[in-house]
Amino acid sequence: MCETNAYVIKDGREELFLDNVDILKAEGSRVYLRNLFGEQKTFEGRVKEISLMKHRIVLEEQA
């Protein structure tokens, strides 16, 4: 099973926000994420990068 993790950039470093992301939905200045286990999180910001080969999502806070 391919696991995609979401990270947030804080102080120039990436911190894990949610692991095993199954669904990502961007709406305006919010990003909604849900993982394989049903855990849901909302992030205030934007998607900076998605790498399908590396199975990672990078989120960035709005300035």
PDB file of N, CA and C in Angstrom:
ATOM      1  N   MET A   1       0.846  -1.175   0.000  1.00  0.00           N
ATOM      2  CA  MET A   1       0.000   0.000   0.000  1.00  0.00           C
ATOM      3  C   MET A   1       0.892   1.239   0.000  1.00  0.00           C
ATOM      4  N   CYS A   2       0.564   2.179  -0.834  1.00  0.00           N
ATOM      5  CA  CYS A   2       1.318   3.431  -0.907  1.00  0.00           C
ATOM      6  C   CYS A   2       0.765   4.391   0.134  1.00  0.00           C
ATOM      7  N   GLU A   3       1.641   4.915   0.958  1.00  0.00           N
ATOM      8  CA  GLU A   3       1.236   5.855   1.985  1.00  0.00           C
ATOM      9  C   GLU A   3       1.718   7.252   1.615  1.00  0.00           C
ATOM     10  N   THR A   4       0.796   8.191   1.627  1.00  0.00           N
ATOM     11  CA  THR A   4       1.143   9.576   1.355  1.00  0.00           C
ATOM     12  C   THR A   4       1.006  10.360   2.649  1.00  0.00           C
ATOM     13  N   ASN A   5       2.045  11.087   3.010  1.00  0.00           N
ATOM     14  CA  ASN A   5       2.036  11.886   4.230  1.00  0.00           C
ATOM     15  C   ASN A   5       1.982  13.364   3.877  1.00  0.00           C
ATOM     16  N   ALA A   6       1.300  14.139   4.720  1.00  0.00           N
ATOM     17  CA  ALA A   6       1.215  15.589   4.537  1.00  0.00           C
ATOM     18  C   ALA A   6       2.100  16.264   5.569  1.00  0.00           C
ATOM     19  N   TYR A   7       2.872  17.241   5.105  1.00  0.00           N
ATOM     20  CA  TYR A   7       3.796  17.982   5.960  1.00  0.00           C
ATOM     21  C   TYR A   7       3.481  19.466   5.891  1.00  0.00           C
ATOM     22  N   VAL A   8       3.766  20.175   6.987  1.00  0.00           N
ATOM     23  CA  VAL A   8       3.607  21.629   7.053  1.00  0.00           C
ATOM     24  C   VAL A   8       4.988  22.233   7.226  1.00  0.00           C
ATOM     25  N   ILE A   9       5.239  23.318   6.511  1.00  0.00           N
ATOM     26  CA  ILE A   9       6.507  24.028   6.656  1.00  0.00           C
ATOM     27  C   ILE A   9       6.394  24.980   7.845  1.00  0.00           C
ATOM     28  N   LYS A  10       7.259  24.770   8.859  1.00  0.00           N
ATOM     29  CA  LYS A  10       7.308  25.640  10.033  1.00  0.00           C
ATOM     30  C   LYS A  10       8.760  25.952  10.325  1.00  0.00           C
ATOM     31  N   ASP A  11       9.057  27.225  10.413  1.00  0.00           N
ATOM     32  CA  ASP A  11      10.430  27.677  10.690  1.00  0.00           C
ATOM     33  C   ASP A  11      11.429  27.065   9.707  1.00  0.00           C
ATOM     34  N   GLY A  12      11.021  26.952   8.444  1.00  0.00           N
ATOM     35  CA  GLY A  12      11.909  26.436   7.405  1.00  0.00           C
ATOM     36  C   GLY A  12      12.072  24.929   7.392  1.00  0.00           C
ATOM     37  N   ARG A  13      11.358  24.228   8.271  1.00  0.00           N
ATOM     38  CA  ARG A  13      11.445  22.765   8.323  1.00  0.00           C
ATOM     39  C   ARG A  13      10.070  22.153   8.080  1.00  0.00           C
ATOM     40  N   GLU A  14      10.065  20.929   7.605  1.00  0.00           N
ATOM     41  CA  GLU A  14       8.813  20.217   7.385  1.00  0.00           C
ATOM     42  C   GLU A  14       8.455  19.387   8.614  1.00  0.00           C
ATOM     43  N   GLU A  15       7.211  19.551   9.074  1.00  0.00           N
ATOM     44  CA  GLU A  15       6.700  18.783  10.207  1.00  0.00           C
ATOM     45  C   GLU A  15       5.511  17.965   9.731  1.00  0.00           C
ATOM     46  N   LEU A  16       5.428  16.717  10.186  1.00  0.00           N
ATOM     47  CA  LEU A  16       4.321  15.852   9.800  1.00  0.00           C
ATOM     48  C   LEU A  16       3.007  16.441  10.287  1.00  0.00           C
ATOM     49  N   PHE A  17       2.040  16.549   9.380  1.00  0.00           N
ATOM     50  CA  PHE A  17       0.719  17.070   9.705  1.00  0.00           C
ATOM     51  C   PHE A  17      -0.289  15.931   9.805  1.00  0.00           C
ATOM     52  N   LEU A  18      -0.265  15.023   8.821  1.00  0.00           N
ATOM     53  CA  LEU A  18      -1.174  13.874   8.811  1.00  0.00           C
ATOM     54  C   LEU A  18      -0.553  12.777   7.967  1.00  0.00           C
ATOM     55  N   ASP A  19      -0.558  11.561   8.500  1.00  0.00           N
ATOM     56  CA  ASP A  19      -0.006  10.440   7.737  1.00  0.00           C
ATOM     57  C   ASP A  19      -1.120   9.644   7.060  1.00  0.00           C
ATOM     58  N   ASN A  20      -0.748   8.839   6.105  1.00  0.00           N
ATOM     59  CA  ASN A  20      -1.673   7.967   5.377  1.00  0.00           C
ATOM     60  C   ASN A  20      -2.850   8.731   4.762  1.00  0.00           C
ATOM     61  N   VAL A  21      -2.565   9.869   4.142  1.00  0.00           N
ATOM     62  CA  VAL A  21      -3.614  10.709   3.551  1.00  0.00           C
ATOM     63  C   VAL A  21      -4.290   9.974   2.403  1.00  0.00           C
ATOM     64  N   ASP A  22      -5.613   9.963   2.458  1.00  0.00           N
ATOM     65  CA  ASP A  22      -6.426   9.322   1.434  1.00  0.00           C
ATOM     66  C   ASP A  22      -7.133  10.359   0.569  1.00  0.00           C
ATOM     67  N   ILE A  23      -7.636  11.419   1.213  1.00  0.00           N
ATOM     68  CA  ILE A  23      -8.393  12.456   0.499  1.00  0.00           C
ATOM     69  C   ILE A  23      -7.847  13.828   0.862  1.00  0.00           C
ATOM     70  N   LEU A  24      -7.656  14.667  -0.156  1.00  0.00           N
ATOM     71  CA  LEU A  24      -7.245  16.055   0.019  1.00  0.00           C
ATOM     72  C   LEU A  24      -8.205  16.898  -0.798  1.00  0.00           C
ATOM     73  N   LYS A  25      -8.777  17.916  -0.163  1.00  0.00           N
ATOM     74  CA  LYS A  25      -9.723  18.797  -0.838  1.00  0.00           C
ATOM     75  C   LYS A  25      -9.374  20.235  -0.497  1.00  0.00           C
ATOM     76  N   ALA A  26      -9.036  21.024  -1.502  1.00  0.00           N
ATOM     77  CA  ALA A  26      -8.695  22.431  -1.297  1.00  0.00           C
ATOM     78  C   ALA A  26      -9.915  23.292  -1.600  1.00  0.00           C
ATOM     79  N   GLU A  27     -10.262  24.155  -0.641  1.00  0.00           N
ATOM     80  CA  GLU A  27     -11.383  25.079  -0.812  1.00  0.00           C
ATOM     81  C   GLU A  27     -10.969  26.450  -0.307  1.00  0.00           C
ATOM     82  N   GLY A  28     -10.724  27.355  -1.220  1.00  0.00           N
ATOM     83  CA  GLY A  28     -10.312  28.700  -0.836  1.00  0.00           C
ATOM     84  C   GLY A  28      -8.993  28.676  -0.093  1.00  0.00           C
ATOM     85  N   SER A  29      -9.000  29.200   1.125  1.00  0.00           N
ATOM     86  CA  SER A  29      -7.767  29.255   1.914  1.00  0.00           C
ATOM     87  C   SER A  29      -7.659  28.094   2.897  1.00  0.00           C
ATOM     88  N   ARG A  30      -8.463  27.053   2.703  1.00  0.00           N
ATOM     89  CA  ARG A  30      -8.432  25.877   3.576  1.00  0.00           C
ATOM     90  C   ARG A  30      -8.162  24.614   2.778  1.00  0.00           C
ATOM     91  N   VAL A  31      -7.477  23.684   3.446  1.00  0.00           N
ATOM     92  CA  VAL A  31      -7.222  22.375   2.853  1.00  0.00           C
ATOM     93  C   VAL A  31      -7.755  21.337   3.827  1.00  0.00           C
ATOM     94  N   TYR A  32      -8.672  20.508   3.337  1.00  0.00           N
ATOM     95  CA  TYR A  32      -9.249  19.438   4.146  1.00  0.00           C
ATOM     96  C   TYR A  32      -8.551  18.135   3.798  1.00  0.00           C
ATOM     97  N   LEU A  33      -8.140  17.385   4.834  1.00  0.00           N
ATOM     98  CA  LEU A  33      -7.470  16.113   4.619  1.00  0.00           C
ATOM     99  C   LEU A  33      -8.134  15.036   5.467  1.00  0.00           C
ATOM    100  N   ARG A  34      -8.163  13.823   4.929  1.00  0.00           N
ATOM    101  CA  ARG A  34      -8.646  12.664   5.676  1.00  0.00           C
ATOM    102  C   ARG A  34      -7.716  11.509   5.382  1.00  0.00           C
ATOM    103  N   ASN A  35      -7.412  10.719   6.407  1.00  0.00           N
ATOM    104  CA  ASN A  35      -6.507   9.599   6.179  1.00  0.00           C
ATOM    105  C   ASN A  35      -7.266   8.276   6.079  1.00  0.00           C
ATOM    106  N   LEU A  36      -6.537   7.211   5.874  1.00  0.00           N
ATOM    107  CA  LEU A  36      -7.126   5.887   5.680  1.00  0.00           C
ATOM    108  C   LEU A  36      -7.922   5.403   6.888  1.00  0.00           C
ATOM    109  N   PHE A  37      -7.652   5.970   8.061  1.00  0.00           N
ATOM    110  CA  PHE A  37      -8.299   5.538   9.292  1.00  0.00           C
ATOM    111  C   PHE A  37      -9.465   6.436   9.688  1.00  0.00           C
ATOM    112  N   GLY A  38      -9.815   7.406   8.814  1.00  0.00           N
ATOM    113  CA  GLY A  38     -10.946   8.286   9.063  1.00  0.00           C
ATOM    114  C   GLY A  38     -10.602   9.549   9.839  1.00  0.00           C
ATOM    115  N   GLU A  39      -9.343   9.722  10.246  1.00  0.00           N
ATOM    116  CA  GLU A  39      -8.946  10.943  10.945  1.00  0.00           C
ATOM    117  C   GLU A  39      -8.989  12.111   9.968  1.00  0.00           C
ATOM    118  N   GLN A  40      -9.595  13.214  10.391  1.00  0.00           N
ATOM    119  CA  GLN A  40      -9.740  14.384   9.534  1.00  0.00           C
ATOM    120  C   GLN A  40      -9.044  15.588  10.156  1.00  0.00           C
ATOM    121  N   LYS A  41      -8.437  16.381   9.296  1.00  0.00           N
ATOM    122  CA  LYS A  41      -7.802  17.623   9.741  1.00  0.00           C
ATOM    123  C   LYS A  41      -8.058  18.704   8.700  1.00  0.00           C
ATOM    124  N   THR A  42      -8.098  19.945   9.176  1.00  0.00           N
ATOM    125  CA  THR A  42      -8.242  21.107   8.309  1.00  0.00           C
ATOM    126  C   THR A  42      -7.008  21.976   8.493  1.00  0.00           C
ATOM    127  N   PHE A  43      -6.461  22.436   7.379  1.00  0.00           N
ATOM    128  CA  PHE A  43      -5.281  23.293   7.412  1.00  0.00           C
ATOM    129  C   PHE A  43      -5.624  24.632   6.802  1.00  0.00           C
ATOM    130  N   GLU A  44      -5.258  25.711   7.482  1.00  0.00           N
ATOM    131  CA  GLU A  44      -5.480  27.064   6.976  1.00  0.00           C
ATOM    132  C   GLU A  44      -4.245  27.460   6.181  1.00  0.00           C
ATOM    133  N   GLY A  45      -4.337  27.429   4.881  1.00  0.00           N
ATOM    134  CA  GLY A  45      -3.202  27.743   4.017  1.00  0.00           C
ATOM    135  C   GLY A  45      -3.410  27.167   2.630  1.00  0.00           C
ATOM    136  N   ARG A  46      -2.312  26.750   2.019  1.00  0.00           N
ATOM    137  CA  ARG A  46      -2.395  26.259   0.641  1.00  0.00           C
ATOM    138  C   ARG A  46      -1.490  25.046   0.448  1.00  0.00           C
ATOM    139  N   VAL A  47      -1.741  24.342  -0.634  1.00  0.00           N
ATOM    140  CA  VAL A  47      -0.874  23.235  -1.030  1.00  0.00           C
ATOM    141  C   VAL A  47       0.304  23.834  -1.782  1.00  0.00           C
ATOM    142  N   LYS A  48       1.496  23.593  -1.297  1.00  0.00           N
ATOM    143  CA  LYS A  48       2.692  24.111  -1.955  1.00  0.00           C
ATOM    144  C   LYS A  48       3.216  23.127  -2.986  1.00  0.00           C
ATOM    145  N   GLU A  49       3.191  21.846  -2.645  1.00  0.00           N
ATOM    146  CA  GLU A  49       3.767  20.838  -3.537  1.00  0.00           C
ATOM    147  C   GLU A  49       3.149  19.475  -3.261  1.00  0.00           C
ATOM    148  N   ILE A  50       2.953  18.695  -4.312  1.00  0.00           N
ATOM    149  CA  ILE A  50       2.548  17.299  -4.192  1.00  0.00           C
ATOM    150  C   ILE A  50       3.512  16.481  -5.030  1.00  0.00           C
ATOM    151  N   SER A  51       4.126  15.488  -4.412  1.00  0.00           N
ATOM    152  CA  SER A  51       5.014  14.586  -5.133  1.00  0.00           C
ATOM    153  C   SER A  51       4.414  13.189  -5.080  1.00  0.00           C
ATOM    154  N   LEU A  52       3.905  12.724  -6.203  1.00  0.00           N
ATOM    155  CA  LEU A  52       3.297  11.403  -6.250  1.00  0.00           C
ATOM    156  C   LEU A  52       4.341  10.298  -6.150  1.00  0.00           C
ATOM    157  N   MET A  53       5.514  10.533  -6.699  1.00  0.00           N
ATOM    158  CA  MET A  53       6.578   9.532  -6.644  1.00  0.00           C
ATOM    159  C   MET A  53       7.136   9.374  -5.228  1.00  0.00           C
ATOM    160  N   LYS A  54       7.195  10.472  -4.483  1.00  0.00           N
ATOM    161  CA  LYS A  54       7.739  10.429  -3.120  1.00  0.00           C
ATOM    162  C   LYS A  54       6.646  10.249  -2.066  1.00  0.00           C
ATOM    163  N   HIS A  55       5.384  10.237  -2.515  1.00  0.00           N
ATOM    164  CA  HIS A  55       4.231  10.039  -1.634  1.00  0.00           C
ATOM    165  C   HIS A  55       4.186  11.091  -0.530  1.00  0.00           C
ATOM    166  N   ARG A  56       4.292  12.369  -0.930  1.00  0.00           N
ATOM    167  CA  ARG A  56       4.259  13.430   0.069  1.00  0.00           C
ATOM    168  C   ARG A  56       3.541  14.660  -0.441  1.00  0.00           C
ATOM    169  N   ILE A  57       2.927  15.346   0.497  1.00  0.00           N
ATOM    170  CA  ILE A  57       2.213  16.589   0.253  1.00  0.00           C
ATOM    171  C   ILE A  57       2.828  17.632   1.172  1.00  0.00           C
ATOM    172  N   VAL A  58       3.125  18.810   0.632  1.00  0.00           N
ATOM    173  CA  VAL A  58       3.688  19.887   1.444  1.00  0.00           C
ATOM    174  C   VAL A  58       2.672  21.024   1.490  1.00  0.00           C
ATOM    175  N   LEU A  59       2.314  21.427   2.701  1.00  0.00           N
ATOM    176  CA  LEU A  59       1.355  22.512   2.922  1.00  0.00           C
ATOM    177  C   LEU A  59       2.112  23.740   3.440  1.00  0.00           C
ATOM    178  N   GLU A  60       1.580  24.915   3.101  1.00  0.00           N
ATOM    179  CA  GLU A  60       2.230  26.166   3.490  1.00  0.00           C
ATOM    180  C   GLU A  60       1.188  27.114   4.063  1.00  0.00           C
ATOM    181  N   GLU A  61       1.503  27.744   5.195  1.00  0.00           N
ATOM    182  CA  GLU A  61       0.602  28.703   5.800  1.00  0.00           C
ATOM    183  C   GLU A  61       0.484  29.940   4.923  1.00  0.00           C
ATOM    184  N   GLN A  62      -0.696  30.552   4.946  1.00  0.00           N
ATOM    185  CA  GLN A  62      -0.914  31.787   4.197  1.00  0.00           C
ATOM    186  C   GLN A  62      -0.182  32.930   4.885  1.00  0.00           C
ATOM    187  N   ALA A  63       0.419  33.797   4.114  1.00  0.00           N
ATOM    188  CA  ALA A  63       1.139  34.947   4.694  1.00  0.00           C
ATOM    189  C   ALA A  63       0.205  36.102   4.936  1.00  0.00           C
TER     190      ALA A  63
END
